[in-house]
Amino acid sequence: MERIAVVGTTGSGKTTLARQISQCLNISHVELDALHWNPNWSESSADVFCSRVTQTLSGDRWVVDGNYSEVRHLIWSRADTLIWLDLPFTITFGRLLRRTIQRVVTQEELWSGNRETLTKALSQDSILLWLFRTFHKRRREYPLLLKQPEYAHLKIIHLRSPQAAHIWLQGLKVCS
């Protein structure tokens, strides 16, 4: 495991797990949201985003988290391992709701100076609504993608519960 992609629906714990893997294996952690979002919640153009991802993943050892389809081919083609956090909706929603409330209250800076606000959390651009829109889509999409021949080289680790993720991570710590 030298180049690892961590995927899963919004709120599944991709960034947290990727950070833990990064620390355990002493490899760089790349958060795709940090490469995608510009100030004032403006999105990078596809060209800029692809360029940022290509440059950031030019090294030999990394763990990257995120689900952006426009850069999937850049990441998955170079990755040797893909970890799919496939948690139940109730767990994911609960985590995302707690995280969103915490970020609104603390005004934690995310990427490029962006912060979550109550207005944003209740808008049509809400991360909570995004979960409702994408949760089932991701569950259908990933098994199909992972069967494609261009991704046959990937070692797939499919984690279906927080306990399974914890046990897997503990095993990784023992091995390193």
N, C-alpha and C. Protein backbone atom coordinates (compact mmCIF):
# COMPACT_ATOMS: atom_id res chain seq x y z
N MET A 1 0.84 -1.18 0.00
CA MET A 1 0.00 0.00 0.00
C MET A 1 0.88 1.24 0.00
N GLU A 2 1.05 1.78 -1.19
CA GLU A 2 1.88 2.98 -1.35
C GLU A 2 1.05 4.17 -1.82
N ARG A 3 0.01 3.89 -2.63
CA ARG A 3 -0.85 4.93 -3.19
C ARG A 3 -2.29 4.48 -2.97
N ILE A 4 -2.96 5.18 -2.07
CA ILE A 4 -4.25 4.72 -1.56
C ILE A 4 -5.32 5.77 -1.84
N ALA A 5 -6.45 5.34 -2.38
CA ALA A 5 -7.60 6.20 -2.58
C ALA A 5 -8.68 5.78 -1.58
N VAL A 6 -9.21 6.75 -0.85
CA VAL A 6 -10.29 6.49 0.10
C VAL A 6 -11.54 7.17 -0.45
N VAL A 7 -12.58 6.37 -0.69
CA VAL A 7 -13.83 6.89 -1.25
C VAL A 7 -14.99 6.50 -0.35
N GLY A 8 -16.12 7.12 -0.58
CA GLY A 8 -17.33 6.86 0.18
C GLY A 8 -18.20 8.09 0.11
N THR A 9 -19.42 7.95 0.53
CA THR A 9 -20.35 9.06 0.45
C THR A 9 -19.94 10.19 1.40
N THR A 10 -20.51 11.34 1.20
CA THR A 10 -20.30 12.50 2.06
C THR A 10 -20.58 12.11 3.50
N GLY A 11 -19.66 12.43 4.40
CA GLY A 11 -19.87 12.17 5.82
C GLY A 11 -19.50 10.78 6.29
N SER A 12 -18.96 9.96 5.40
CA SER A 12 -18.65 8.58 5.78
C SER A 12 -17.36 8.46 6.59
N GLY A 13 -16.54 9.50 6.61
CA GLY A 13 -15.30 9.46 7.37
C GLY A 13 -14.05 9.30 6.53
N LYS A 14 -14.15 9.65 5.26
CA LYS A 14 -13.01 9.50 4.33
C LYS A 14 -11.78 10.26 4.81
N THR A 15 -11.96 11.53 5.14
CA THR A 15 -10.82 12.36 5.54
C THR A 15 -10.21 11.87 6.84
N THR A 16 -11.05 11.53 7.79
CA THR A 16 -10.54 11.03 9.08
C THR A 16 -9.73 9.76 8.87
N LEU A 17 -10.26 8.81 8.11
CA LEU A 17 -9.54 7.56 7.87
C LEU A 17 -8.25 7.82 7.08
N ALA A 18 -8.33 8.68 6.08
CA ALA A 18 -7.13 8.98 5.28
C ALA A 18 -6.05 9.62 6.14
N ARG A 19 -6.42 10.51 7.05
CA ARG A 19 -5.44 11.11 7.97
C ARG A 19 -4.79 10.05 8.84
N GLN A 20 -5.60 9.13 9.34
CA GLN A 20 -5.08 8.06 10.20
C GLN A 20 -4.12 7.15 9.42
N ILE A 21 -4.48 6.82 8.20
CA ILE A 21 -3.60 6.00 7.35
C ILE A 21 -2.30 6.75 7.09
N SER A 22 -2.41 8.03 6.79
CA SER A 22 -1.24 8.87 6.53
C SER A 22 -0.27 8.83 7.70
N GLN A 23 -0.80 8.99 8.89
CA GLN A 23 0.04 8.97 10.09
C GLN A 23 0.64 7.60 10.32
N CYS A 24 -0.15 6.57 10.15
CA CYS A 24 0.30 5.21 10.40
C CYS A 24 1.41 4.80 9.43
N LEU A 25 1.24 5.13 8.16
CA LEU A 25 2.20 4.71 7.14
C LEU A 25 3.25 5.77 6.85
N ASN A 26 3.12 6.93 7.48
CA ASN A 26 4.05 8.03 7.26
C ASN A 26 4.12 8.42 5.77
N ILE A 27 2.91 8.63 5.20
CA ILE A 27 2.81 9.06 3.81
C ILE A 27 1.97 10.33 3.75
N SER A 28 2.06 11.05 2.65
CA SER A 28 1.32 12.31 2.56
C SER A 28 -0.17 12.06 2.40
N HIS A 29 -0.96 12.99 2.96
CA HIS A 29 -2.42 12.94 2.86
C HIS A 29 -2.88 14.07 1.95
N VAL A 30 -3.72 13.74 0.99
CA VAL A 30 -4.26 14.71 0.05
C VAL A 30 -5.77 14.71 0.19
N GLU A 31 -6.32 15.87 0.52
CA GLU A 31 -7.77 16.02 0.63
C GLU A 31 -8.26 16.72 -0.64
N LEU A 32 -9.02 16.02 -1.45
CA LEU A 32 -9.46 16.59 -2.72
C LEU A 32 -10.27 17.87 -2.55
N ASP A 33 -11.04 17.96 -1.48
CA ASP A 33 -11.80 19.19 -1.25
C ASP A 33 -10.88 20.41 -1.19
N ALA A 34 -9.70 20.24 -0.60
CA ALA A 34 -8.75 21.35 -0.49
C ALA A 34 -8.22 21.79 -1.85
N LEU A 35 -8.18 20.87 -2.79
CA LEU A 35 -7.71 21.19 -4.15
C LEU A 35 -8.85 21.72 -5.03
N HIS A 36 -10.07 21.38 -4.67
CA HIS A 36 -11.24 21.72 -5.48
C HIS A 36 -11.82 23.10 -5.16
N TRP A 37 -11.91 23.42 -3.86
CA TRP A 37 -12.60 24.64 -3.45
C TRP A 37 -11.68 25.85 -3.40
N ASN A 38 -12.13 26.93 -3.98
CA ASN A 38 -11.46 28.23 -3.94
C ASN A 38 -12.18 29.10 -2.91
N PRO A 39 -11.66 30.31 -2.62
CA PRO A 39 -12.36 31.21 -1.70
C PRO A 39 -13.81 31.45 -2.13
N ASN A 40 -14.64 31.75 -1.14
CA ASN A 40 -16.07 32.03 -1.35
C ASN A 40 -16.82 30.86 -1.95
N TRP A 41 -16.38 29.65 -1.62
CA TRP A 41 -17.02 28.42 -2.09
C TRP A 41 -17.12 28.35 -3.62
N SER A 42 -16.19 28.96 -4.31
CA SER A 42 -16.19 28.82 -5.77
C SER A 42 -15.39 27.58 -6.14
N GLU A 43 -15.88 26.88 -7.14
CA GLU A 43 -15.23 25.64 -7.56
C GLU A 43 -14.13 25.91 -8.58
N SER A 44 -13.08 25.13 -8.51
CA SER A 44 -12.01 25.23 -9.51
C SER A 44 -12.54 24.73 -10.84
N SER A 45 -12.02 25.27 -11.91
CA SER A 45 -12.37 24.74 -13.23
C SER A 45 -11.81 23.32 -13.33
N ALA A 46 -12.34 22.54 -14.22
CA ALA A 46 -11.89 21.16 -14.39
C ALA A 46 -10.39 21.11 -14.71
N ASP A 47 -9.93 22.00 -15.57
CA ASP A 47 -8.51 22.02 -15.95
C ASP A 47 -7.62 22.32 -14.75
N VAL A 48 -7.99 23.33 -13.97
CA VAL A 48 -7.20 23.70 -12.80
C VAL A 48 -7.22 22.57 -11.78
N PHE A 49 -8.38 22.00 -11.54
CA PHE A 49 -8.52 20.91 -10.57
C PHE A 49 -7.66 19.71 -10.99
N CYS A 50 -7.74 19.32 -12.24
CA CYS A 50 -6.94 18.19 -12.74
C CYS A 50 -5.45 18.47 -12.61
N SER A 51 -5.06 19.69 -12.92
CA SER A 51 -3.65 20.08 -12.80
C SER A 51 -3.18 20.00 -11.35
N ARG A 52 -4.01 20.51 -10.43
CA ARG A 52 -3.65 20.45 -9.00
C ARG A 52 -3.51 19.00 -8.53
N VAL A 53 -4.44 18.16 -8.94
CA VAL A 53 -4.39 16.75 -8.52
C VAL A 53 -3.16 16.07 -9.10
N THR A 54 -2.91 16.27 -10.38
CA THR A 54 -1.75 15.65 -11.03
C THR A 54 -0.45 16.06 -10.33
N GLN A 55 -0.31 17.34 -10.05
CA GLN A 55 0.90 17.83 -9.40
C GLN A 55 1.02 17.27 -7.99
N THR A 56 -0.07 17.27 -7.23
CA THR A 56 -0.04 16.82 -5.84
C THR A 56 0.25 15.33 -5.74
N LEU A 57 -0.22 14.55 -6.70
CA LEU A 57 -0.03 13.10 -6.64
C LEU A 57 1.18 12.64 -7.47
N SER A 58 2.11 13.53 -7.72
CA SER A 58 3.29 13.16 -8.51
C SER A 58 4.26 12.28 -7.73
N GLY A 59 4.14 12.27 -6.41
CA GLY A 59 5.02 11.44 -5.58
C GLY A 59 4.63 9.96 -5.64
N ASP A 60 5.45 9.15 -4.98
CA ASP A 60 5.23 7.70 -5.02
C ASP A 60 4.38 7.17 -3.88
N ARG A 61 4.20 7.96 -2.81
CA ARG A 61 3.48 7.46 -1.64
C ARG A 61 2.49 8.52 -1.16
N TRP A 62 1.21 8.16 -1.17
CA TRP A 62 0.18 9.09 -0.74
C TRP A 62 -1.12 8.36 -0.43
N VAL A 63 -1.96 9.05 0.30
CA VAL A 63 -3.34 8.62 0.51
C VAL A 63 -4.21 9.83 0.19
N VAL A 64 -5.21 9.62 -0.65
CA VAL A 64 -6.07 10.71 -1.10
C VAL A 64 -7.52 10.36 -0.77
N ASP A 65 -8.28 11.36 -0.33
CA ASP A 65 -9.69 11.10 -0.05
C ASP A 65 -10.57 12.03 -0.86
N GLY A 66 -11.67 11.47 -1.37
CA GLY A 66 -12.64 12.26 -2.12
C GLY A 66 -13.29 11.46 -3.23
N ASN A 67 -14.36 12.03 -3.77
CA ASN A 67 -15.20 11.33 -4.75
C ASN A 67 -15.35 12.06 -6.08
N TYR A 68 -14.50 12.97 -6.41
CA TYR A 68 -14.70 13.79 -7.60
C TYR A 68 -14.50 12.96 -8.87
N SER A 69 -15.57 12.79 -9.63
CA SER A 69 -15.50 11.95 -10.83
C SER A 69 -14.56 12.52 -11.89
N GLU A 70 -14.42 13.86 -11.95
CA GLU A 70 -13.58 14.45 -12.99
C GLU A 70 -12.09 14.16 -12.81
N VAL A 71 -11.69 13.72 -11.62
CA VAL A 71 -10.27 13.37 -11.40
C VAL A 71 -10.10 11.89 -11.03
N ARG A 72 -11.17 11.15 -11.03
CA ARG A 72 -11.11 9.73 -10.65
C ARG A 72 -10.06 8.98 -11.47
N HIS A 73 -10.07 9.19 -12.79
CA HIS A 73 -9.12 8.46 -13.65
C HIS A 73 -7.67 8.77 -13.28
N LEU A 74 -7.40 9.99 -12.85
CA LEU A 74 -6.04 10.38 -12.47
C LEU A 74 -5.61 9.65 -11.19
N ILE A 75 -6.54 9.50 -10.29
CA ILE A 75 -6.23 8.90 -8.98
C ILE A 75 -6.25 7.39 -9.06
N TRP A 76 -7.34 6.84 -9.53
CA TRP A 76 -7.50 5.38 -9.51
C TRP A 76 -6.49 4.69 -10.42
N SER A 77 -6.10 5.32 -11.50
CA SER A 77 -5.12 4.68 -12.39
C SER A 77 -3.75 4.58 -11.73
N ARG A 78 -3.44 5.50 -10.83
CA ARG A 78 -2.14 5.48 -10.14
C ARG A 78 -2.19 4.75 -8.81
N ALA A 79 -3.36 4.66 -8.21
CA ALA A 79 -3.50 4.03 -6.89
C ALA A 79 -3.23 2.53 -7.00
N ASP A 80 -2.77 1.95 -5.89
CA ASP A 80 -2.66 0.50 -5.83
C ASP A 80 -3.73 -0.09 -4.92
N THR A 81 -4.33 0.76 -4.07
CA THR A 81 -5.34 0.31 -3.12
C THR A 81 -6.48 1.30 -3.10
N LEU A 82 -7.71 0.79 -3.03
CA LEU A 82 -8.89 1.63 -2.90
C LEU A 82 -9.67 1.16 -1.68
N ILE A 83 -9.94 2.09 -0.78
CA ILE A 83 -10.73 1.78 0.40
C ILE A 83 -12.08 2.45 0.23
N TRP A 84 -13.13 1.62 0.25
CA TRP A 84 -14.49 2.12 0.09
C TRP A 84 -15.18 2.08 1.45
N LEU A 85 -15.43 3.27 2.02
CA LEU A 85 -16.21 3.38 3.25
C LEU A 85 -17.68 3.38 2.87
N ASP A 86 -18.34 2.28 3.12
CA ASP A 86 -19.72 2.06 2.69
C ASP A 86 -20.59 1.87 3.93
N LEU A 87 -20.76 2.94 4.68
CA LEU A 87 -21.47 2.87 5.95
C LEU A 87 -22.97 3.05 5.76
N PRO A 88 -23.77 2.55 6.70
CA PRO A 88 -25.23 2.74 6.61
C PRO A 88 -25.60 4.22 6.62
N PHE A 89 -26.73 4.53 6.01
CA PHE A 89 -27.19 5.91 5.90
C PHE A 89 -27.35 6.56 7.28
N THR A 90 -27.93 5.86 8.22
CA THR A 90 -28.19 6.46 9.54
C THR A 90 -26.90 6.89 10.22
N ILE A 91 -25.86 6.09 10.12
CA ILE A 91 -24.57 6.44 10.72
C ILE A 91 -23.97 7.64 10.01
N THR A 92 -23.99 7.59 8.69
CA THR A 92 -23.42 8.68 7.89
C THR A 92 -24.16 9.99 8.14
N PHE A 93 -25.48 9.94 8.13
CA PHE A 93 -26.26 11.15 8.35
C PHE A 93 -25.98 11.73 9.74
N GLY A 94 -25.96 10.88 10.75
CA GLY A 94 -25.68 11.35 12.11
C GLY A 94 -24.32 12.02 12.21
N ARG A 95 -23.32 11.39 11.62
CA ARG A 95 -21.97 11.98 11.62
C ARG A 95 -21.96 13.33 10.91
N LEU A 96 -22.59 13.38 9.76
CA LEU A 96 -22.58 14.61 8.96
C LEU A 96 -23.34 15.74 9.66
N LEU A 97 -24.45 15.41 10.28
CA LEU A 97 -25.23 16.42 11.01
C LEU A 97 -24.41 16.98 12.17
N ARG A 98 -23.77 16.10 12.96
CA ARG A 98 -22.93 16.56 14.07
C ARG A 98 -21.77 17.42 13.57
N ARG A 99 -21.12 16.97 12.50
CA ARG A 99 -19.98 17.72 11.95
C ARG A 99 -20.42 19.09 11.46
N THR A 100 -21.55 19.15 10.77
CA THR A 100 -22.04 20.42 10.23
C THR A 100 -22.39 21.38 11.36
N ILE A 101 -23.08 20.90 12.37
CA ILE A 101 -23.42 21.77 13.51
C ILE A 101 -22.15 22.27 14.18
N GLN A 102 -21.19 21.38 14.39
CA GLN A 102 -19.93 21.78 15.03
C GLN A 102 -19.22 22.85 14.20
N ARG A 103 -19.16 22.67 12.90
CA ARG A 103 -18.48 23.64 12.04
C ARG A 103 -19.21 24.98 11.99
N VAL A 104 -20.53 24.95 12.01
CA VAL A 104 -21.29 26.20 12.03
C VAL A 104 -21.03 26.94 13.33
N VAL A 105 -21.04 26.23 14.45
CA VAL A 105 -20.85 26.86 15.76
C VAL A 105 -19.42 27.37 15.93
N THR A 106 -18.43 26.56 15.57
CA THR A 106 -17.03 26.95 15.82
C THR A 106 -16.46 27.84 14.73
N GLN A 107 -17.14 27.89 13.58
CA GLN A 107 -16.65 28.65 12.43
C GLN A 107 -15.25 28.20 12.02
N GLU A 108 -15.02 26.89 12.12
CA GLU A 108 -13.76 26.28 11.71
C GLU A 108 -13.48 26.60 10.23
N GLU A 109 -12.26 27.02 9.96
CA GLU A 109 -11.89 27.28 8.57
C GLU A 109 -11.65 25.95 7.87
N LEU A 110 -12.23 25.82 6.70
CA LEU A 110 -12.08 24.59 5.93
C LEU A 110 -10.99 24.79 4.89
N TRP A 111 -11.33 25.03 3.65
CA TRP A 111 -10.37 25.16 2.57
C TRP A 111 -10.49 26.56 1.99
N SER A 112 -9.35 27.17 1.72
CA SER A 112 -9.31 28.50 1.08
C SER A 112 -10.12 29.54 1.83
N GLY A 113 -10.15 29.44 3.14
CA GLY A 113 -10.86 30.41 3.95
C GLY A 113 -12.36 30.18 4.07
N ASN A 114 -12.87 29.12 3.49
CA ASN A 114 -14.31 28.85 3.53
C ASN A 114 -14.72 28.31 4.90
N ARG A 115 -15.94 28.65 5.28
CA ARG A 115 -16.52 28.18 6.53
C ARG A 115 -17.97 27.78 6.27
N GLU A 116 -18.45 26.81 7.03
CA GLU A 116 -19.86 26.44 6.92
C GLU A 116 -20.66 27.44 7.74
N THR A 117 -21.82 27.82 7.21
CA THR A 117 -22.70 28.75 7.91
C THR A 117 -24.08 28.11 8.04
N LEU A 118 -24.87 28.64 8.95
CA LEU A 118 -26.23 28.13 9.11
C LEU A 118 -27.02 28.35 7.83
N THR A 119 -26.81 29.49 7.19
CA THR A 119 -27.51 29.78 5.93
C THR A 119 -27.18 28.73 4.88
N LYS A 120 -25.89 28.40 4.76
CA LYS A 120 -25.47 27.40 3.78
C LYS A 120 -26.01 26.02 4.15
N ALA A 121 -25.98 25.70 5.44
CA ALA A 121 -26.45 24.39 5.90
C ALA A 121 -27.94 24.18 5.64
N LEU A 122 -28.69 25.28 5.54
CA LEU A 122 -30.13 25.19 5.31
C LEU A 122 -30.53 25.51 3.87
N SER A 123 -29.54 25.74 3.01
CA SER A 123 -29.83 26.14 1.63
C SER A 123 -29.92 24.92 0.70
N GLN A 124 -30.16 25.21 -0.56
CA GLN A 124 -30.17 24.16 -1.58
C GLN A 124 -28.77 23.58 -1.81
N ASP A 125 -27.74 24.30 -1.37
CA ASP A 125 -26.35 23.84 -1.48
C ASP A 125 -25.89 23.10 -0.22
N SER A 126 -26.81 22.76 0.64
CA SER A 126 -26.49 22.12 1.91
C SER A 126 -25.77 20.79 1.71
N ILE A 127 -24.74 20.57 2.52
CA ILE A 127 -24.03 19.30 2.50
C ILE A 127 -24.96 18.17 2.94
N LEU A 128 -25.93 18.49 3.79
CA LEU A 128 -26.90 17.48 4.24
C LEU A 128 -27.80 17.05 3.08
N LEU A 129 -28.25 18.01 2.28
CA LEU A 129 -29.04 17.66 1.09
C LEU A 129 -28.20 16.88 0.09
N TRP A 130 -26.92 17.25 -0.01
CA TRP A 130 -26.01 16.54 -0.92
C TRP A 130 -25.95 15.05 -0.55
N LEU A 131 -25.93 14.76 0.74
CA LEU A 131 -25.93 13.37 1.19
C LEU A 131 -27.19 12.65 0.69
N PHE A 132 -28.35 13.27 0.85
CA PHE A 132 -29.60 12.65 0.40
C PHE A 132 -29.58 12.42 -1.11
N ARG A 133 -28.98 13.36 -1.85
CA ARG A 133 -28.95 13.25 -3.32
C ARG A 133 -27.97 12.19 -3.81
N THR A 134 -26.91 11.94 -3.06
CA THR A 134 -25.83 11.09 -3.59
C THR A 134 -25.64 9.75 -2.89
N PHE A 135 -26.22 9.55 -1.73
CA PHE A 135 -25.95 8.33 -0.96
C PHE A 135 -26.23 7.06 -1.77
N HIS A 136 -27.44 6.91 -2.27
CA HIS A 136 -27.80 5.69 -3.00
C HIS A 136 -27.10 5.61 -4.35
N LYS A 137 -26.86 6.76 -4.96
CA LYS A 137 -26.13 6.79 -6.23
C LYS A 137 -24.73 6.20 -6.05
N ARG A 138 -24.03 6.60 -5.00
CA ARG A 138 -22.68 6.07 -4.75
C ARG A 138 -22.72 4.57 -4.51
N ARG A 139 -23.70 4.11 -3.77
CA ARG A 139 -23.81 2.67 -3.49
C ARG A 139 -24.01 1.86 -4.76
N ARG A 140 -24.71 2.42 -5.72
CA ARG A 140 -24.90 1.72 -7.01
C ARG A 140 -23.68 1.88 -7.91
N GLU A 141 -23.06 3.04 -7.86
CA GLU A 141 -21.98 3.41 -8.77
C GLU A 141 -20.68 2.66 -8.51
N TYR A 142 -20.25 2.57 -7.26
CA TYR A 142 -18.93 2.00 -6.97
C TYR A 142 -18.77 0.55 -7.39
N PRO A 143 -19.73 -0.33 -7.12
CA PRO A 143 -19.53 -1.72 -7.58
C PRO A 143 -19.36 -1.82 -9.09
N LEU A 144 -20.09 -0.98 -9.83
CA LEU A 144 -19.96 -0.99 -11.29
C LEU A 144 -18.60 -0.47 -11.73
N LEU A 145 -18.16 0.63 -11.13
CA LEU A 145 -16.86 1.19 -11.47
C LEU A 145 -15.72 0.21 -11.17
N LEU A 146 -15.82 -0.44 -10.03
CA LEU A 146 -14.73 -1.32 -9.60
C LEU A 146 -14.63 -2.59 -10.43
N LYS A 147 -15.65 -2.87 -11.23
CA LYS A 147 -15.60 -4.03 -12.14
C LYS A 147 -14.97 -3.68 -13.48
N GLN A 148 -14.72 -2.40 -13.72
CA GLN A 148 -14.16 -2.00 -15.01
C GLN A 148 -12.71 -2.46 -15.11
N PRO A 149 -12.32 -2.93 -16.30
CA PRO A 149 -10.97 -3.49 -16.47
C PRO A 149 -9.84 -2.54 -16.13
N GLU A 150 -10.03 -1.24 -16.33
CA GLU A 150 -8.95 -0.29 -16.05
C GLU A 150 -8.65 -0.15 -14.55
N TYR A 151 -9.54 -0.71 -13.73
CA TYR A 151 -9.32 -0.66 -12.28
C TYR A 151 -9.06 -2.04 -11.68
N ALA A 152 -8.81 -3.01 -12.52
CA ALA A 152 -8.57 -4.39 -12.05
C ALA A 152 -7.31 -4.49 -11.19
N HIS A 153 -6.39 -3.56 -11.35
CA HIS A 153 -5.13 -3.59 -10.58
C HIS A 153 -5.31 -3.19 -9.11
N LEU A 154 -6.44 -2.57 -8.79
CA LEU A 154 -6.65 -2.06 -7.44
C LEU A 154 -6.95 -3.18 -6.44
N LYS A 155 -6.31 -3.10 -5.30
CA LYS A 155 -6.70 -3.94 -4.16
C LYS A 155 -7.86 -3.20 -3.50
N ILE A 156 -9.02 -3.84 -3.41
CA ILE A 156 -10.22 -3.21 -2.87
C ILE A 156 -10.42 -3.62 -1.42
N ILE A 157 -10.60 -2.63 -0.57
CA ILE A 157 -10.93 -2.86 0.83
C ILE A 157 -12.28 -2.20 1.06
N HIS A 158 -13.30 -3.03 1.26
CA HIS A 158 -14.68 -2.56 1.38
C HIS A 158 -15.07 -2.62 2.86
N LEU A 159 -15.19 -1.45 3.48
CA LEU A 159 -15.49 -1.37 4.91
C LEU A 159 -16.93 -0.91 5.08
N ARG A 160 -17.74 -1.72 5.78
CA ARG A 160 -19.18 -1.47 5.86
C ARG A 160 -19.67 -0.97 7.22
N SER A 161 -18.75 -0.75 8.15
CA SER A 161 -19.16 -0.24 9.46
C SER A 161 -17.99 0.48 10.11
N PRO A 162 -18.28 1.37 11.06
CA PRO A 162 -17.19 2.02 11.78
C PRO A 162 -16.29 0.99 12.49
N GLN A 163 -16.90 -0.07 12.99
CA GLN A 163 -16.13 -1.11 13.67
C GLN A 163 -15.17 -1.80 12.69
N ALA A 164 -15.64 -2.08 11.50
CA ALA A 164 -14.79 -2.72 10.49
C ALA A 164 -13.62 -1.80 10.13
N ALA A 165 -13.89 -0.51 10.02
CA ALA A 165 -12.82 0.45 9.71
C ALA A 165 -11.81 0.49 10.85
N HIS A 166 -12.30 0.49 12.07
CA HIS A 166 -11.41 0.53 13.24
C HIS A 166 -10.54 -0.73 13.30
N ILE A 167 -11.13 -1.87 13.11
CA ILE A 167 -10.38 -3.13 13.14
C ILE A 167 -9.35 -3.16 12.02
N TRP A 168 -9.74 -2.73 10.82
CA TRP A 168 -8.80 -2.72 9.70
C TRP A 168 -7.63 -1.79 10.00
N LEU A 169 -7.92 -0.62 10.53
CA LEU A 169 -6.86 0.35 10.85
C LEU A 169 -5.94 -0.19 11.94
N GLN A 170 -6.50 -0.86 12.94
CA GLN A 170 -5.67 -1.45 13.99
C GLN A 170 -4.74 -2.51 13.40
N GLY A 171 -5.23 -3.28 12.46
CA GLY A 171 -4.41 -4.28 11.77
C GLY A 171 -3.29 -3.62 10.99
N LEU A 172 -3.59 -2.49 10.41
CA LEU A 172 -2.57 -1.75 9.65
C LEU A 172 -1.48 -1.26 10.59
N LYS A 173 -1.86 -0.80 11.76
CA LYS A 173 -0.89 -0.31 12.73
C LYS A 173 0.02 -1.43 13.23
N VAL A 174 -0.54 -2.61 13.37
CA VAL A 174 0.26 -3.76 13.81
C VAL A 174 1.29 -4.13 12.75
N CYS A 175 0.90 -4.00 11.49
CA CYS A 175 1.77 -4.41 10.38
C CYS A 175 2.89 -3.40 10.10
N SER A 176 2.73 -2.16 10.51
CA SER A 176 3.72 -1.16 10.11
C SER A 176 4.74 -0.89 11.17
